[in-house]
């Protein structure tokens, strides 16, 4: 009898322990789950760091309103994926949300026969199935579901079947992009501006510089300038280097007839950092009046400006190849024609070539093919050229849109006329034409900019 009671008591204890363990696991699971999903940056500029510490290196600086994917909660920090990069953000400056749209990165499927649904729930129909190893651009979060670009359409996959990641600080530093030649002098416009060993935040810091410090510009790679200063060489982000008010050293030369060998920008100064005054057509007759580094000062149609020497030819009878000042110059129509060549090209976050574009990368590439240099990001493109009213837009104008929250710039495209624009759509998964009258774009129109 006594032995039976002892066994009964032991069984009761085991049951109680089991219940406690189950409750603990359940609570832990809820807490872990609550830390996953969408988040929105609330600080004006929030550092995403390589480790959950203010002493860790900065992976990227993210503006207010940016949507991030929260994958883990630590002591005072969130581990996040944002625009293809993984890092850590202070919980004090990230607000969790049930849903958000954004450029999170690439998701890899884990599981076979995983349904892609037309909406974020089991009640929505399946539009296809995917299997382990397939990758898709993740463009949003809605509860426990990820929004993806799937075969040119928008689909949803349950989060348990999709691993979303990005490049972490432990990854190799990004390879330098091909450089565009640039020569001139720049002035730092902020404090504690970092010079890095390569054109990206993943490269080591050479030194820091403050407002007014002058640097010699030796090249350009994407949005970064290759520079030298007091014997140090490296790269500085273009946003913090200005050539406004800097007088270039120009060596005068005898008037020399020449022609352009391709469509090319005639700039206000001898560097790609200077604003383009106009685009000269291939074969345009110019007069060379001076030289600064690899740039010529030219006179064309009564205007003076600078053209990179590699696009100038002085051989043959240059005057016989004269073109009128307005003949063949870049027009909005030519930009639209160029843009339409890439209809159907797939959307790739960070893409700037016909192998894949993101929205601002598409605008950047099209303008470059037409002889214009515009900024790389949608936010910076909103400062290009001059502002025009929506009612005065012309084909070739850049159109800027708010993001999904209407709290920050999030998209860019090119107006083609008839209330339509062409753009690299993350939702559509490709370069496509859309109507400005569509509710999403109509309500998120931000501005129009004219560069041509």
Protein backbone atom coordinates (compact mmCIF):
# COMPACT_ATOMS: atom_id res chain seq x y z
CA UNK A 1 0.00 0.00 0.00
CA UNK A 2 2.78 2.37 0.97
CA UNK A 3 4.66 1.53 -2.24
CA UNK A 4 1.51 2.20 -4.30
CA UNK A 5 1.11 5.65 -2.70
CA UNK A 6 4.75 6.47 -3.40
CA UNK A 7 4.36 5.57 -7.07
CA UNK A 8 1.14 7.63 -7.26
CA UNK A 9 2.94 10.63 -5.75
CA UNK A 10 5.79 10.30 -8.24
CA UNK A 11 3.35 10.15 -11.13
CA UNK A 12 1.63 13.31 -9.91
CA UNK A 13 4.97 15.14 -9.73
CA UNK A 14 5.88 13.98 -13.22
CA UNK A 15 2.55 15.23 -14.59
CA UNK A 16 2.99 18.62 -12.89
CA UNK A 17 6.55 18.96 -14.20
CA UNK A 18 5.38 18.06 -17.68
CA UNK A 19 2.65 20.69 -17.57
CA UNK A 20 5.12 23.35 -16.38
CA UNK A 21 7.58 22.46 -19.12
CA UNK A 22 4.85 22.64 -21.76
CA UNK A 23 3.70 26.03 -20.50
CA UNK A 24 7.25 27.31 -20.43
CA UNK A 25 7.85 26.13 -23.98
CA UNK A 26 4.59 27.67 -25.13
CA UNK A 27 5.38 31.01 -23.51
CA UNK A 28 8.87 30.95 -24.94
CA UNK A 29 7.51 30.19 -28.39
CA UNK A 30 5.08 33.11 -28.17
CA UNK A 31 7.83 35.49 -27.08
CA UNK A 32 10.13 34.34 -29.89
CA UNK A 33 7.35 34.64 -32.43
CA UNK A 34 6.42 38.11 -31.24
CA UNK A 35 9.94 39.24 -32.15
CA UNK A 36 9.50 38.19 -35.79
CA UNK A 37 7.75 40.02 -38.58
CA UNK A 38 7.76 43.60 -39.82
CA UNK A 39 9.29 46.63 -38.20
CA UNK A 40 9.51 50.32 -39.05
CA UNK A 41 12.45 52.60 -38.26
CA UNK A 42 11.35 55.57 -36.13
CA UNK A 43 14.68 57.42 -35.82
CA UNK A 44 15.67 60.00 -38.43
CA UNK A 45 18.73 57.89 -39.29
CA UNK A 46 19.29 54.58 -37.51
CA UNK A 47 22.56 52.64 -37.60
CA UNK A 48 22.31 48.95 -38.43
CA UNK A 49 25.30 47.31 -36.77
CA UNK A 50 27.24 44.10 -37.33
CA UNK A 51 26.67 42.96 -33.72
CA UNK A 52 24.12 43.87 -31.00
CA UNK A 53 26.35 46.57 -29.52
CA UNK A 54 26.90 50.30 -30.05
CA UNK A 55 30.59 49.50 -30.29
CA UNK A 56 30.10 47.28 -33.33
CA UNK A 57 30.78 48.48 -36.87
CA UNK A 58 27.96 50.11 -38.84
CA UNK A 59 26.63 47.96 -41.69
CA UNK A 60 24.29 50.67 -43.02
CA UNK A 61 22.45 53.80 -41.92
CA UNK A 62 18.70 53.52 -42.49
CA UNK A 63 16.32 56.51 -42.76
CA UNK A 64 13.07 56.99 -40.87
CA UNK A 65 10.11 55.04 -42.23
CA UNK A 66 12.18 52.21 -43.70
CA UNK A 67 10.56 48.80 -43.31
CA UNK A 68 12.75 46.01 -41.91
CA UNK A 69 12.25 42.31 -41.33
CA UNK A 70 12.75 41.40 -37.67
CA UNK A 71 14.05 37.85 -37.26
CA UNK A 72 15.19 37.74 -33.64
CA UNK A 73 14.90 39.69 -30.39
CA UNK A 74 17.88 40.07 -28.08
CA UNK A 75 18.55 42.19 -25.01
CA UNK A 76 17.60 45.64 -26.28
CA UNK A 77 18.25 44.75 -29.93
CA UNK A 78 16.48 43.31 -32.94
CA UNK A 79 18.25 41.22 -35.53
CA UNK A 80 16.92 42.48 -38.86
CA UNK A 81 17.12 42.03 -42.60
CA UNK A 82 16.91 45.24 -44.61
CA UNK A 83 17.56 45.81 -48.30
CA UNK A 84 19.57 42.62 -48.66
CA UNK A 85 21.72 43.16 -45.55
CA UNK A 86 21.57 41.53 -42.11
CA UNK A 87 22.43 43.39 -38.93
CA UNK A 88 21.20 44.62 -35.56
CA UNK A 89 19.09 47.64 -34.63
CA UNK A 90 18.23 49.10 -31.23
CA UNK A 91 14.72 48.10 -30.16
CA UNK A 92 14.13 51.66 -28.97
CA UNK A 93 13.97 52.90 -32.57
CA UNK A 94 12.04 50.10 -34.30
CA UNK A 95 8.28 49.73 -34.01
CA UNK A 96 6.86 46.29 -34.75
CA UNK A 97 3.95 46.10 -37.16
CA UNK A 98 1.56 43.41 -38.35
CA UNK A 99 2.39 44.13 -41.97
CA UNK A 100 4.73 46.21 -44.12
CA UNK A 101 6.07 46.49 -47.65
CA UNK A 102 9.77 46.93 -48.28
CA UNK A 103 12.92 45.62 -49.94
CA UNK A 104 13.94 42.95 -47.46
CA UNK A 105 16.18 40.67 -49.50
CA UNK A 106 16.01 37.20 -50.97
CA UNK A 107 14.03 34.35 -49.46
CA UNK A 108 15.01 30.71 -49.97
CA UNK A 109 12.34 28.01 -49.85
CA UNK A 110 12.71 25.19 -47.32
CA UNK A 111 10.28 22.38 -48.06
CA UNK A 112 8.77 20.67 -51.07
CA UNK A 113 5.39 21.38 -52.62
CA UNK A 114 5.07 24.69 -50.74
CA UNK A 115 2.00 26.63 -51.88
CA UNK A 116 2.30 30.19 -53.13
CA UNK A 117 -1.05 31.80 -52.40
CA UNK A 118 -2.79 34.83 -53.84
CA UNK A 119 -3.17 36.37 -50.38
CA UNK A 120 -1.75 36.11 -46.84
CA UNK A 121 -3.83 33.19 -45.53
CA UNK A 122 -4.87 29.58 -46.06
CA UNK A 123 -8.20 30.83 -47.33
CA UNK A 124 -6.58 32.23 -50.46
CA UNK A 125 -6.13 30.07 -53.53
CA UNK A 126 -2.80 28.58 -54.57
CA UNK A 127 -1.19 30.15 -57.64
CA UNK A 128 1.63 27.62 -57.75
CA UNK A 129 4.01 25.48 -55.73
CA UNK A 130 7.72 25.88 -55.01
CA UNK A 131 10.42 23.65 -53.58
CA UNK A 132 13.58 23.63 -51.51
CA UNK A 133 16.31 25.95 -52.78
CA UNK A 134 14.14 28.17 -54.97
CA UNK A 135 14.73 31.86 -54.28
CA UNK A 136 12.44 34.87 -54.53
CA UNK A 137 12.56 38.59 -53.75
CA UNK A 138 10.71 39.25 -50.48
CA UNK A 139 8.79 42.51 -50.81
CA UNK A 140 6.51 42.48 -47.79
CA UNK A 141 5.29 40.90 -44.57
CA UNK A 142 1.68 40.32 -43.58
CA UNK A 143 1.29 38.55 -40.28
CA UNK A 144 2.90 35.12 -40.60
CA UNK A 145 3.19 35.41 -44.38
CA UNK A 146 5.89 36.78 -46.67
CA UNK A 147 4.97 38.59 -49.88
CA UNK A 148 7.14 37.55 -52.83
CA UNK A 149 7.53 38.22 -56.55
CA UNK A 150 6.42 35.01 -58.26
CA UNK A 151 6.37 34.58 -62.07
CA UNK A 152 5.57 38.23 -62.67
CA UNK A 153 2.83 38.29 -60.04
CA UNK A 154 2.56 38.86 -56.30
CA UNK A 155 2.24 35.81 -54.09
CA UNK A 156 2.43 34.86 -50.43
CA UNK A 157 4.36 32.06 -48.71
CA UNK A 158 3.95 31.02 -45.07
CA UNK A 159 6.99 32.30 -43.19
CA UNK A 160 7.95 28.88 -41.80
CA UNK A 161 8.78 27.77 -45.34
CA UNK A 162 10.95 30.71 -46.35
CA UNK A 163 14.37 31.68 -44.96
CA UNK A 164 15.15 35.33 -45.54
CA UNK A 165 18.72 36.50 -45.20
CA UNK A 166 21.22 39.05 -46.44
CA UNK A 167 24.86 39.93 -46.51
CA UNK A 168 26.25 40.26 -42.99
CA UNK A 169 29.28 42.17 -41.81
CA UNK A 170 31.17 38.88 -41.70
CA UNK A 171 30.88 38.48 -45.44
CA UNK A 172 33.62 39.54 -47.75
CA UNK A 173 33.69 43.23 -48.57
CA UNK A 174 31.78 44.02 -51.76
CA UNK A 175 33.75 44.19 -54.93
CA UNK A 176 34.39 47.65 -56.31
CA UNK A 177 32.24 48.66 -59.24
CA UNK A 178 33.83 49.73 -62.48
CA UNK A 179 35.10 53.25 -62.10
CA UNK A 180 34.04 56.24 -64.11
CA UNK A 181 36.84 58.72 -64.57
CA UNK A 182 36.46 61.91 -62.55
CA UNK A 183 38.91 64.70 -61.84
CA UNK A 184 38.56 67.76 -59.66
CA UNK A 185 38.39 69.00 -56.11
CA UNK A 186 35.64 68.28 -53.61
CA UNK A 187 34.75 69.70 -50.21
CA UNK A 188 33.38 67.61 -47.32
CA UNK A 189 29.88 68.78 -46.32
CA UNK A 190 29.41 66.99 -42.98
CA UNK A 191 31.25 66.05 -39.82
CA UNK A 192 32.88 62.72 -39.05
CA UNK A 193 32.58 61.68 -42.71
CA UNK A 194 34.38 58.37 -43.22
CA UNK A 195 36.90 57.65 -45.95
CA UNK A 196 36.90 53.90 -46.67
CA UNK A 197 39.23 51.52 -48.47
CA UNK A 198 36.55 50.71 -51.04
CA UNK A 199 33.24 52.06 -52.43
CA UNK A 200 30.87 50.70 -49.79
CA UNK A 201 30.10 50.65 -46.08
CA UNK A 202 31.50 47.13 -45.85
CA UNK A 203 35.05 48.41 -46.37
CA UNK A 204 37.43 49.43 -43.58
CA UNK A 205 37.65 53.06 -42.46
CA UNK A 206 40.79 54.95 -43.50
CA UNK A 207 39.98 58.12 -41.56
CA UNK A 208 37.26 60.65 -40.75
CA UNK A 209 36.94 64.20 -42.09
CA UNK A 210 34.90 67.28 -41.25
CA UNK A 211 33.00 70.06 -42.96
CA UNK A 212 35.26 72.12 -45.25
CA UNK A 213 38.04 69.57 -45.68
CA UNK A 214 39.20 69.51 -49.32
CA UNK A 215 39.92 66.34 -51.28
CA UNK A 216 41.22 65.56 -54.74
CA UNK A 217 38.75 63.45 -56.71
CA UNK A 218 40.52 60.78 -58.75
CA UNK A 219 37.65 58.57 -59.84
CA UNK A 220 34.09 57.47 -59.30
CA UNK A 221 32.48 54.10 -58.52
CA UNK A 222 28.70 54.09 -58.31
CA UNK A 223 27.67 56.64 -55.67
CA UNK A 224 31.20 56.81 -54.22
CA UNK A 225 34.15 59.05 -55.15
CA UNK A 226 37.74 57.82 -55.16
CA UNK A 227 39.68 60.55 -53.38
CA UNK A 228 43.04 61.49 -51.92
CA UNK A 229 43.71 63.83 -49.01
CA UNK A 230 47.03 64.57 -47.31
CA UNK A 231 48.59 61.36 -48.58
CA UNK A 232 45.60 59.16 -47.69
CA UNK A 233 43.56 57.54 -50.45
CA UNK A 234 40.16 55.89 -50.33
CA UNK A 235 36.48 56.40 -51.08
CA UNK A 236 33.91 58.89 -49.77
CA UNK A 237 30.15 58.62 -50.27
CA UNK A 238 29.10 61.20 -52.88
CA UNK A 239 26.38 62.71 -50.70
CA UNK A 240 29.05 64.16 -48.41
CA UNK A 241 31.35 65.60 -51.08
CA UNK A 242 30.45 68.80 -52.91
CA UNK A 243 32.12 70.60 -55.78
CA UNK A 244 29.88 73.64 -55.51
CA UNK A 245 31.96 76.80 -55.38
CA UNK A 246 35.24 74.97 -56.05
CA UNK A 247 37.22 76.56 -58.85
CA UNK A 248 38.87 74.07 -61.16
CA UNK A 249 42.40 74.63 -62.45
CA UNK A 250 42.08 74.98 -66.22
CA UNK A 251 45.04 75.34 -68.55
CA UNK A 252 44.21 77.63 -71.47
CA UNK A 253 44.86 76.35 -74.98
CA UNK A 254 44.58 77.70 -78.51
CA UNK A 255 41.14 77.30 -80.04
CA UNK A 256 41.08 73.82 -81.57
CA UNK A 257 38.23 72.35 -83.64
CA UNK A 258 37.05 68.90 -82.54
CA UNK A 259 34.04 66.58 -82.64
CA UNK A 260 32.36 64.36 -80.08
CA UNK A 261 32.66 60.63 -80.75
CA UNK A 262 29.39 59.70 -78.99
CA UNK A 263 26.49 61.35 -77.19
CA UNK A 264 28.06 62.91 -74.13
CA UNK A 265 27.32 65.30 -71.27
CA UNK A 266 28.73 68.81 -71.41
CA UNK A 267 29.20 69.67 -67.73
CA UNK A 268 29.65 72.83 -65.68
CA UNK A 269 33.05 71.63 -64.45
CA UNK A 270 35.73 69.00 -65.17
CA UNK A 271 34.18 66.06 -63.30
CA UNK A 272 31.12 63.84 -63.37
CA UNK A 273 30.22 65.45 -60.04
CA UNK A 274 29.31 68.66 -61.89
CA UNK A 275 25.81 69.19 -63.31
CA UNK A 276 25.25 68.45 -66.98
CA UNK A 277 24.38 71.60 -68.93
CA UNK A 278 23.23 69.64 -71.97
CA UNK A 279 23.92 66.46 -73.95
CA UNK A 280 25.98 66.82 -77.11
CA UNK A 281 25.11 64.48 -79.94
CA UNK A 282 27.68 62.20 -81.53
CA UNK A 283 29.55 64.20 -84.17
CA UNK A 284 28.79 67.58 -82.62
CA UNK A 285 31.41 70.17 -83.63
CA UNK A 286 33.02 71.89 -80.65
CA UNK A 287 35.93 74.22 -80.06
CA UNK A 288 38.47 73.23 -77.43
CA UNK A 289 39.56 76.25 -75.35
CA UNK A 290 41.24 74.68 -72.31
CA UNK A 291 42.12 71.52 -70.44
CA UNK A 292 41.83 70.32 -66.82
CA UNK A 293 43.20 66.87 -66.14
CA UNK A 294 41.44 64.50 -68.55
CA UNK A 295 38.70 67.02 -69.36
CA UNK A 296 38.48 69.62 -72.14
CA UNK A 297 36.81 72.98 -71.79
CA UNK A 298 34.71 73.33 -74.93
CA UNK A 299 32.57 75.92 -76.65
CA UNK A 300 29.42 74.74 -78.37
CA UNK A 301 26.64 76.90 -79.74
CA UNK A 302 27.77 79.85 -77.63
CA UNK A 303 27.87 77.77 -74.43
CA UNK A 304 31.00 76.85 -72.52
CA UNK A 305 31.37 73.62 -70.58
CA UNK A 306 33.53 70.55 -70.02
CA UNK A 307 33.63 67.20 -71.84
CA UNK A 308 35.71 64.16 -70.90
CA UNK A 309 38.64 63.87 -73.29
CA UNK A 310 37.99 60.23 -74.20
CA UNK A 311 34.82 61.39 -76.00
CA UNK A 312 36.59 64.07 -78.07
CA UNK A 313 38.37 63.63 -81.41
CA UNK A 314 40.58 66.24 -83.07
CA UNK A 315 41.54 64.05 -86.05
CA UNK A 316 40.25 64.71 -89.56
CA UNK A 317 38.25 67.72 -90.64
CA UNK A 318 36.31 68.39 -87.46
CA UNK A 319 34.56 71.44 -88.83
CA UNK A 320 33.05 69.39 -91.67
CA UNK A 321 31.30 67.20 -89.14
CA UNK A 322 29.46 70.12 -87.60
CA UNK A 323 26.03 69.51 -86.19
CA UNK A 324 23.63 72.26 -85.32
CA UNK A 325 23.45 73.02 -81.59
CA UNK A 326 20.10 71.28 -81.22
CA UNK A 327 20.46 68.45 -83.71
CA UNK A 328 20.29 65.00 -82.19
CA UNK A 329 20.51 66.23 -78.61
CA UNK A 330 18.96 64.03 -75.98
CA UNK A 331 15.19 64.35 -75.71
CA UNK A 332 12.50 62.98 -73.48
CA UNK A 333 11.27 60.85 -76.39
CA UNK A 334 14.68 59.22 -76.81
CA UNK A 335 14.73 58.39 -73.11
CA UNK A 336 11.30 56.75 -73.38
CA UNK A 337 12.41 54.80 -76.46
CA UNK A 338 15.49 53.59 -74.58
CA UNK A 339 13.44 52.61 -71.53
CA UNK A 340 11.01 50.52 -73.58
CA UNK A 341 13.88 48.35 -74.84
CA UNK A 342 13.96 46.71 -71.41
CA UNK A 343 10.29 45.84 -70.97
CA UNK A 344 10.07 42.43 -69.32
CA UNK A 345 13.57 42.50 -67.80
CA UNK A 346 13.29 40.94 -64.35
CA UNK A 347 13.29 42.92 -61.12
CA UNK A 348 16.45 42.38 -59.04
CA UNK A 349 17.08 44.35 -55.88
CA UNK A 350 20.20 46.48 -56.37
CA UNK A 351 20.23 45.73 -60.12
CA UNK A 352 21.53 48.36 -62.55
CA UNK A 353 21.87 46.40 -65.79
CA UNK A 354 19.74 44.49 -68.32
CA UNK A 355 20.40 41.33 -66.33
CA UNK A 356 18.10 42.80 -63.67
CA UNK A 357 16.95 46.22 -62.40
CA UNK A 358 15.51 47.70 -59.26
CA UNK A 359 13.40 50.84 -59.65
CA UNK A 360 16.10 53.51 -59.27
CA UNK A 361 18.70 51.30 -60.95
CA UNK A 362 16.46 51.20 -64.04
CA UNK A 363 16.14 55.00 -64.14
CA UNK A 364 19.88 55.37 -63.58
CA UNK A 365 20.77 52.94 -66.39
CA UNK A 366 18.32 54.34 -68.98
CA UNK A 367 19.50 57.90 -68.45
CA UNK A 368 23.13 56.79 -68.62
CA UNK A 369 22.52 55.08 -71.99
CA UNK A 370 21.15 58.39 -73.25
CA UNK A 371 24.21 60.32 -72.10
CA UNK A 372 22.90 61.63 -68.79
CA UNK A 373 24.18 60.91 -65.32
CA UNK A 374 21.56 60.88 -62.57
CA UNK A 375 21.80 59.74 -58.97
CA UNK A 376 21.57 56.04 -58.14
CA UNK A 377 18.83 55.99 -55.45
CA UNK A 378 15.22 57.14 -55.64
CA UNK A 379 15.76 59.56 -52.74
CA UNK A 380 18.74 61.16 -54.50
CA UNK A 381 16.96 61.15 -57.88
CA UNK A 382 14.34 63.39 -56.27
CA UNK A 383 17.07 66.06 -56.18
CA UNK A 384 18.09 65.67 -59.83
CA UNK A 385 17.19 68.25 -62.45
CA UNK A 386 14.33 70.62 -61.70
CA UNK A 387 10.92 70.02 -60.17
CA UNK A 388 7.87 70.12 -62.44
CA UNK A 389 4.18 70.05 -61.59
CA UNK A 390 2.29 66.83 -62.14
CA UNK A 391 0.10 68.59 -64.68
CA UNK A 392 3.18 69.73 -66.64
CA UNK A 393 4.98 66.39 -66.91
CA UNK A 394 6.56 65.46 -70.23
CA UNK A 395 7.84 62.11 -71.54
CA UNK A 396 11.25 61.37 -70.05
CA UNK A 397 10.59 63.04 -66.69
CA UNK A 398 11.51 61.06 -63.58
CA UNK A 399 8.55 60.28 -61.30
CA UNK A 400 9.06 59.75 -57.58
CA UNK A 401 6.62 57.95 -55.26
CA UNK A 402 6.14 57.55 -51.53
CA UNK A 403 6.71 54.12 -50.02
CA UNK A 404 3.82 51.97 -48.77
CA UNK A 405 3.55 54.00 -45.57
CA UNK A 406 3.60 57.35 -47.38
CA UNK A 407 6.33 58.30 -44.92
CA UNK A 408 9.40 58.27 -47.17
CA UNK A 409 10.45 58.01 -50.81
CA UNK A 410 10.21 54.43 -51.95
CA UNK A 411 9.92 54.16 -55.75
CA UNK A 412 10.91 55.80 -59.04
CA UNK A 413 9.96 55.50 -62.69
CA UNK A 414 9.99 57.35 -66.02
CA UNK A 415 6.92 59.14 -67.42
CA UNK A 416 6.08 58.05 -70.98
CA UNK A 417 2.99 60.18 -71.64
CA UNK A 418 -0.75 59.50 -71.65
CA UNK A 419 -0.75 59.28 -67.84
CA UNK A 420 1.52 56.21 -67.95
CA UNK A 421 5.01 55.48 -66.70
CA UNK A 422 7.58 52.71 -67.12
CA UNK A 423 9.34 51.24 -64.11
CA UNK A 424 11.04 48.20 -62.59
CA UNK A 425 8.30 46.89 -60.32
CA UNK A 426 9.13 44.70 -57.33
CA UNK A 427 5.48 43.65 -57.15
CA UNK A 428 5.29 42.86 -60.84
CA UNK A 429 8.75 41.31 -60.80
CA UNK A 430 9.86 43.01 -64.03
CA UNK A 431 10.11 46.23 -66.04
CA UNK A 432 6.57 47.16 -66.99
CA UNK A 433 4.24 50.03 -67.87
CA UNK A 434 1.65 51.17 -65.34
CA UNK A 435 -1.00 53.88 -65.24
CA UNK A 436 -0.68 56.77 -62.82
CA UNK A 437 -4.43 56.51 -62.35
CA UNK A 438 -3.98 53.19 -60.52
CA UNK A 439 -4.97 53.77 -56.91
CA UNK A 440 -1.61 52.70 -55.45
CA UNK A 441 0.43 55.08 -57.61
CA UNK A 442 -2.13 57.89 -57.73
CA UNK A 443 -2.20 58.19 -53.94
CA UNK A 444 1.57 57.85 -53.53
CA UNK A 445 2.74 60.32 -56.18
CA UNK A 446 5.51 62.43 -54.62
CA UNK A 447 7.15 64.56 -57.32
CA UNK A 448 8.34 64.81 -60.91
CA UNK A 449 11.86 65.86 -61.94
CA UNK A 450 13.04 67.04 -65.34
CA UNK A 451 16.64 66.37 -66.29
CA UNK A 452 16.36 66.64 -70.09
